[in-house]
Amino acid sequence: MDFMEKTVTDSFSAEDTAALGEQLGRNAKPGEVYTLIGDLGVGKTVFTQGFAKGLGITEPVNSPTFTIVQVYEEGRLPFYHFDVYRIGDVEEMDEIGYEDYFYGQGVCLIEWANLIVEILPESYVRVTIEKDLEKGFDYRRITIEHM
């Protein structure tokens, strides 16, 4: 796999993480897919809330834990927020018509995308959030890779 671009950002607070998400949301284009990888409690929801804010979404954004996808229409682009943590089988993605979202005119952000890697589009942006307790409890290393 060739990486076109890779950036690593240090986040020292939830505010830093949200601000990076907001910056990406402001620059997001129709049809883009972002994947969000990281353990429980690393700040994926905080990042997503910032991303939504960058799209101009003002309503509360939370993980769509039991619905797989949450749709937000009020921003400058439709925003499709997936959480596939509880998915049992990739076929569940077929049932919700994931292709309409992945290849539509909105922006997708997929938490736990490593569980559905076989159906991801050829080109997407992978965001990985990692803790490093040696650098502090609130520290996060956020890696953004254009796949």
Protein backbone atom coordinates (compact mmCIF):
# COMPACT_ATOMS: atom_id res chain seq x y z
CA MET A 1 0.00 0.00 0.00
CA ASP A 2 1.40 3.37 -0.95
CA PHE A 3 0.87 6.21 1.48
CA MET A 4 0.32 9.44 -0.36
CA GLU A 5 0.55 11.47 2.80
CA LYS A 6 0.98 10.85 6.51
CA THR A 7 0.91 13.37 9.32
CA VAL A 8 1.32 12.83 13.05
CA THR A 9 -0.11 15.34 15.50
CA ASP A 10 0.40 15.54 19.26
CA SER A 11 -2.78 16.25 21.24
CA PHE A 12 -2.40 17.23 24.87
CA SER A 13 -6.10 17.67 25.66
CA ALA A 14 -9.61 16.82 24.50
CA GLU A 15 -9.74 20.38 23.13
CA ASP A 16 -6.70 19.69 20.93
CA THR A 17 -8.30 16.48 19.65
CA ALA A 18 -11.60 18.23 18.89
CA ALA A 19 -9.78 21.11 17.17
CA LEU A 20 -7.95 18.69 14.84
CA GLY A 21 -11.27 16.99 14.05
CA GLU A 22 -12.83 20.39 13.37
CA GLN A 23 -10.00 21.32 10.98
CA LEU A 24 -10.49 18.09 9.03
CA GLY A 25 -14.26 18.61 8.97
CA ARG A 26 -13.83 22.12 7.56
CA ASN A 27 -11.70 20.73 4.74
CA ALA A 28 -13.78 17.59 4.04
CA LYS A 29 -15.10 17.14 0.51
CA PRO A 30 -18.17 15.30 -0.82
CA GLY A 31 -17.64 11.57 -1.14
CA GLU A 32 -14.73 11.35 1.29
CA VAL A 33 -14.50 8.51 3.77
CA TYR A 34 -12.61 8.85 7.05
CA THR A 35 -11.87 5.86 9.25
CA LEU A 36 -11.27 6.31 12.97
CA ILE A 37 -9.18 3.70 14.74
CA GLY A 38 -8.39 3.66 18.45
CA ASP A 39 -9.08 1.86 21.69
CA LEU A 40 -12.04 2.60 23.93
CA GLY A 41 -11.61 5.93 25.69
CA VAL A 42 -8.95 7.48 23.43
CA GLY A 43 -11.18 10.31 22.23
CA LYS A 44 -12.86 9.05 19.05
CA THR A 45 -16.15 10.68 20.03
CA VAL A 46 -14.42 13.96 20.91
CA PHE A 47 -12.65 13.90 17.53
CA THR A 48 -15.97 13.15 15.77
CA GLN A 49 -17.73 16.00 17.58
CA GLY A 50 -15.02 18.37 16.37
CA PHE A 51 -15.31 16.96 12.85
CA ALA A 52 -19.07 17.57 12.85
CA LYS A 53 -18.53 21.11 14.12
CA GLY A 54 -16.15 21.69 11.20
CA LEU A 55 -18.98 20.64 8.88
CA GLY A 56 -21.28 23.21 10.49
CA ILE A 57 -23.34 20.72 12.48
CA THR A 58 -24.64 22.19 15.74
CA GLU A 59 -26.80 19.34 17.04
CA PRO A 60 -25.26 16.94 19.60
CA VAL A 61 -23.13 14.20 18.05
CA ASN A 62 -22.70 10.94 19.93
CA SER A 63 -21.57 7.48 18.90
CA PRO A 64 -24.38 5.64 17.09
CA THR A 65 -23.74 2.61 19.29
CA PHE A 66 -26.92 0.69 18.54
CA THR A 67 -27.85 2.01 15.08
CA ILE A 68 -24.53 1.54 13.21
CA VAL A 69 -25.02 4.83 11.32
CA GLN A 70 -26.26 8.25 12.39
CA VAL A 71 -27.13 10.75 9.65
CA TYR A 72 -26.71 14.51 10.09
CA GLU A 73 -28.10 16.68 7.30
CA GLU A 74 -27.78 20.21 8.70
CA GLY A 75 -24.11 20.89 7.86
CA ARG A 76 -22.55 22.06 4.61
CA LEU A 77 -22.39 18.37 3.58
CA PRO A 78 -24.42 15.39 4.75
CA PHE A 79 -22.46 13.63 7.52
CA TYR A 80 -22.70 9.87 7.99
CA HIS A 81 -21.27 8.76 11.32
CA PHE A 82 -20.76 5.01 11.58
CA ASP A 83 -19.85 3.00 14.68
CA VAL A 84 -19.28 -0.61 13.67
CA TYR A 85 -17.94 -1.79 17.06
CA ARG A 86 -20.91 -4.09 17.66
CA ILE A 87 -21.20 -5.38 14.12
CA GLY A 88 -21.39 -9.15 14.03
CA ASP A 89 -20.78 -9.66 10.33
CA VAL A 90 -19.83 -7.37 7.47
CA GLU A 91 -23.12 -8.41 5.81
CA GLU A 92 -24.88 -6.12 8.32
CA MET A 93 -23.32 -3.26 6.37
CA ASP A 94 -25.06 -4.52 3.21
CA GLU A 95 -28.37 -4.50 5.08
CA ILE A 96 -28.07 -0.77 5.83
CA GLY A 97 -26.97 0.03 2.27
CA TYR A 98 -23.47 1.23 3.19
CA GLU A 99 -22.55 1.82 -0.47
CA ASP A 100 -25.10 4.65 -0.70
CA TYR A 101 -23.22 6.36 2.13
CA PHE A 102 -19.64 5.47 1.15
CA TYR A 103 -20.09 6.53 -2.48
CA GLY A 104 -22.63 9.35 -1.99
CA GLN A 105 -22.24 13.11 -1.84
CA GLY A 106 -21.77 13.28 1.91
CA VAL A 107 -18.82 12.59 4.20
CA CYS A 108 -18.46 9.31 6.12
CA LEU A 109 -16.62 8.87 9.37
CA ILE A 110 -16.37 5.24 10.49
CA GLU A 111 -15.37 4.32 14.04
CA TRP A 112 -13.77 0.86 14.44
CA ALA A 113 -13.32 0.67 10.65
CA ASN A 114 -10.65 -2.01 11.12
CA LEU A 115 -13.61 -4.43 11.59
CA ILE A 116 -14.91 -3.81 8.05
CA VAL A 117 -11.66 -3.21 6.18
CA GLU A 118 -12.68 -5.54 3.32
CA ILE A 119 -15.50 -3.19 2.22
CA LEU A 120 -13.71 0.14 2.59
CA PRO A 121 -13.31 2.17 -0.59
CA GLU A 122 -10.01 2.09 -2.42
CA SER A 123 -9.21 5.61 -1.25
CA TYR A 124 -9.92 6.89 2.26
CA VAL A 125 -8.35 8.82 5.13
CA ARG A 126 -7.30 6.73 8.12
CA VAL A 127 -7.20 8.53 11.47
CA THR A 128 -5.54 6.59 14.29
CA ILE A 129 -5.68 7.88 17.88
CA GLU A 130 -3.27 6.36 20.40
CA LYS A 131 -2.46 7.00 24.04
CA ASP A 132 1.09 7.26 25.34
CA LEU A 133 0.92 7.39 29.13
CA GLU A 134 4.62 8.26 29.35
CA LYS A 135 3.68 11.62 27.80
CA GLY A 136 0.75 12.19 30.17
CA PHE A 137 -2.77 10.95 30.87
CA ASP A 138 -4.38 13.32 28.33
CA TYR A 139 -1.75 12.91 25.61
CA ARG A 140 -2.84 11.41 22.28
CA ARG A 141 -0.83 10.72 19.13
CA ILE A 142 -3.11 11.26 16.15
CA THR A 143 -1.90 9.85 12.84
CA ILE A 144 -3.66 10.83 9.62
CA GLU A 145 -2.90 8.73 6.54
CA HIS A 146 -4.32 9.12 3.05
CA MET A 147 -4.77 5.57 1.83
